[in-house]
Amino acid sequence: MSYDEIEIEDMSWNDELKAYTYQCPCGDLFQITLEELRAGEEIARCPSCSLYITVVYDFDVFAAVDPAGPPPTLGKEVLVA
């Protein structure tokens, strides 16, 4: 069971990591890449602890995205770190 369910729109795009991120209670960031989303993956893991979250997103939006390109705009401005 995951720690929480998070909408992709509530996550931030991190250009350095090339991944969507979300703050973990341990202080690090949950991370999920465009490649993982395109493959239908919905689990974002924290690299520093054992927690993970379920990312809620529209698979069809990400299935057509080029993983080498920019992330899709999700109804708000994409944050670039």
C-alpha atoms as a PDB file:
ATOM      1  CA  MET A   1       0.000   0.000   0.000  1.00  0.00           C
ATOM      2  CA  SER A   2       1.297   3.410  -0.903  1.00  0.00           C
ATOM      3  CA  TYR A   3       1.844   6.274   1.490  1.00  0.00           C
ATOM      4  CA  ASP A   4      -0.655   8.483  -0.379  1.00  0.00           C
ATOM      5  CA  GLU A   5      -2.314   9.136  -3.745  1.00  0.00           C
ATOM      6  CA  ILE A   6      -1.148  12.352  -5.430  1.00  0.00           C
ATOM      7  CA  GLU A   7      -2.551  13.951  -8.584  1.00  0.00           C
ATOM      8  CA  ILE A   8       0.144  14.582 -11.212  1.00  0.00           C
ATOM      9  CA  GLU A   9      -1.033  18.214 -11.312  1.00  0.00           C
ATOM     10  CA  ASP A  10       0.099  18.584  -7.674  1.00  0.00           C
ATOM     11  CA  MET A  11       3.624  17.447  -8.514  1.00  0.00           C
ATOM     12  CA  SER A  12       6.406  19.694  -9.839  1.00  0.00           C
ATOM     13  CA  TRP A  13       8.583  19.100 -12.882  1.00  0.00           C
ATOM     14  CA  ASN A  14      12.276  18.997 -11.940  1.00  0.00           C
ATOM     15  CA  ASP A  15      14.340  19.700 -15.053  1.00  0.00           C
ATOM     16  CA  GLU A  16      17.577  18.599 -13.381  1.00  0.00           C
ATOM     17  CA  LEU A  17      16.169  15.174 -12.449  1.00  0.00           C
ATOM     18  CA  LYS A  18      14.002  14.989 -15.602  1.00  0.00           C
ATOM     19  CA  ALA A  19      11.179  13.793 -13.359  1.00  0.00           C
ATOM     20  CA  TYR A  20       8.021  14.906 -11.630  1.00  0.00           C
ATOM     21  CA  THR A  21       8.663  15.307  -7.919  1.00  0.00           C
ATOM     22  CA  TYR A  22       6.699  15.638  -4.701  1.00  0.00           C
ATOM     23  CA  GLN A  23       7.992  16.358  -1.182  1.00  0.00           C
ATOM     24  CA  CYS A  24       8.434  13.247   0.966  1.00  0.00           C
ATOM     25  CA  PRO A  25       7.978  13.454   4.765  1.00  0.00           C
ATOM     26  CA  CYS A  26      11.637  12.401   5.128  1.00  0.00           C
ATOM     27  CA  GLY A  27      12.726  15.610   3.375  1.00  0.00           C
ATOM     28  CA  ASP A  28      13.709  14.125   0.013  1.00  0.00           C
ATOM     29  CA  LEU A  29      11.531  14.008  -3.105  1.00  0.00           C
ATOM     30  CA  PHE A  30       9.330  11.298  -4.560  1.00  0.00           C
ATOM     31  CA  GLN A  31      10.279  10.981  -8.242  1.00  0.00           C
ATOM     32  CA  ILE A  32       8.654   9.596 -11.395  1.00  0.00           C
ATOM     33  CA  THR A  33      10.027  10.065 -14.918  1.00  0.00           C
ATOM     34  CA  LEU A  34       8.250  10.628 -18.229  1.00  0.00           C
ATOM     35  CA  GLU A  35       9.457   7.208 -19.362  1.00  0.00           C
ATOM     36  CA  GLU A  36       7.830   5.566 -16.336  1.00  0.00           C
ATOM     37  CA  LEU A  37       4.564   7.427 -16.935  1.00  0.00           C
ATOM     38  CA  ARG A  38       4.585   6.485 -20.639  1.00  0.00           C
ATOM     39  CA  ALA A  39       5.030   2.839 -19.612  1.00  0.00           C
ATOM     40  CA  GLY A  40       1.946   3.031 -17.389  1.00  0.00           C
ATOM     41  CA  GLU A  41       3.889   3.156 -14.135  1.00  0.00           C
ATOM     42  CA  GLU A  42       2.018   4.931 -11.363  1.00  0.00           C
ATOM     43  CA  ILE A  43       4.363   4.475  -8.410  1.00  0.00           C
ATOM     44  CA  ALA A  44       6.763   7.275  -7.430  1.00  0.00           C
ATOM     45  CA  ARG A  45       9.472   6.251  -4.993  1.00  0.00           C
ATOM     46  CA  CYS A  46      11.519   8.254  -2.562  1.00  0.00           C
ATOM     47  CA  PRO A  47      15.235   7.570  -3.099  1.00  0.00           C
ATOM     48  CA  SER A  48      16.017   8.128   0.603  1.00  0.00           C
ATOM     49  CA  CYS A  49      13.411   6.072   2.441  1.00  0.00           C
ATOM     50  CA  SER A  50      10.977   3.214   1.906  1.00  0.00           C
ATOM     51  CA  LEU A  51       7.901   5.342   1.173  1.00  0.00           C
ATOM     52  CA  TYR A  52       6.197   5.545  -2.185  1.00  0.00           C
ATOM     53  CA  ILE A  53       3.105   7.265  -3.565  1.00  0.00           C
ATOM     54  CA  THR A  54       0.561   6.373  -6.213  1.00  0.00           C
ATOM     55  CA  VAL A  55       0.512   9.031  -8.928  1.00  0.00           C
ATOM     56  CA  VAL A  56      -2.938   9.687 -10.376  1.00  0.00           C
ATOM     57  CA  TYR A  57      -2.659  10.759 -14.011  1.00  0.00           C
ATOM     58  CA  ASP A  58      -4.255  10.385 -17.444  1.00  0.00           C
ATOM     59  CA  PHE A  59      -2.231   7.706 -19.230  1.00  0.00           C
ATOM     60  CA  ASP A  60      -3.395   8.928 -22.660  1.00  0.00           C
ATOM     61  CA  VAL A  61      -1.792  12.334 -22.082  1.00  0.00           C
ATOM     62  CA  PHE A  62       1.608  10.762 -21.378  1.00  0.00           C
ATOM     63  CA  ALA A  63       1.468   7.900 -23.894  1.00  0.00           C
ATOM     64  CA  ALA A  64       2.038  10.349 -26.766  1.00  0.00           C
ATOM     65  CA  VAL A  65       4.781  12.388 -25.045  1.00  0.00           C
ATOM     66  CA  ASP A  66       8.344  12.150 -26.321  1.00  0.00           C
ATOM     67  CA  PRO A  67      10.408  11.275 -23.219  1.00  0.00           C
ATOM     68  CA  ALA A  68      13.324  13.289 -24.606  1.00  0.00           C
ATOM     69  CA  GLY A  69      11.103  16.335 -25.021  1.00  0.00           C
ATOM     70  CA  PRO A  70       9.459  18.660 -22.548  1.00  0.00           C
ATOM     71  CA  PRO A  71       6.773  17.384 -20.174  1.00  0.00           C
ATOM     72  CA  PRO A  72       3.142  18.094 -21.056  1.00  0.00           C
ATOM     73  CA  THR A  73       1.445  21.153 -19.615  1.00  0.00           C
ATOM     74  CA  LEU A  74      -1.100  19.932 -17.096  1.00  0.00           C
ATOM     75  CA  GLY A  75      -3.476  22.845 -16.759  1.00  0.00           C
ATOM     76  CA  LYS A  76      -0.924  24.965 -14.942  1.00  0.00           C
ATOM     77  CA  GLU A  77       2.496  26.309 -15.649  1.00  0.00           C
ATOM     78  CA  VAL A  78       5.160  23.598 -15.516  1.00  0.00           C
ATOM     79  CA  LEU A  79       7.748  24.326 -12.855  1.00  0.00           C
ATOM     80  CA  VAL A  80      11.375  24.101 -13.890  1.00  0.00           C
ATOM     81  CA  ALA A  81      13.936  23.804 -11.116  1.00  0.00           C
END
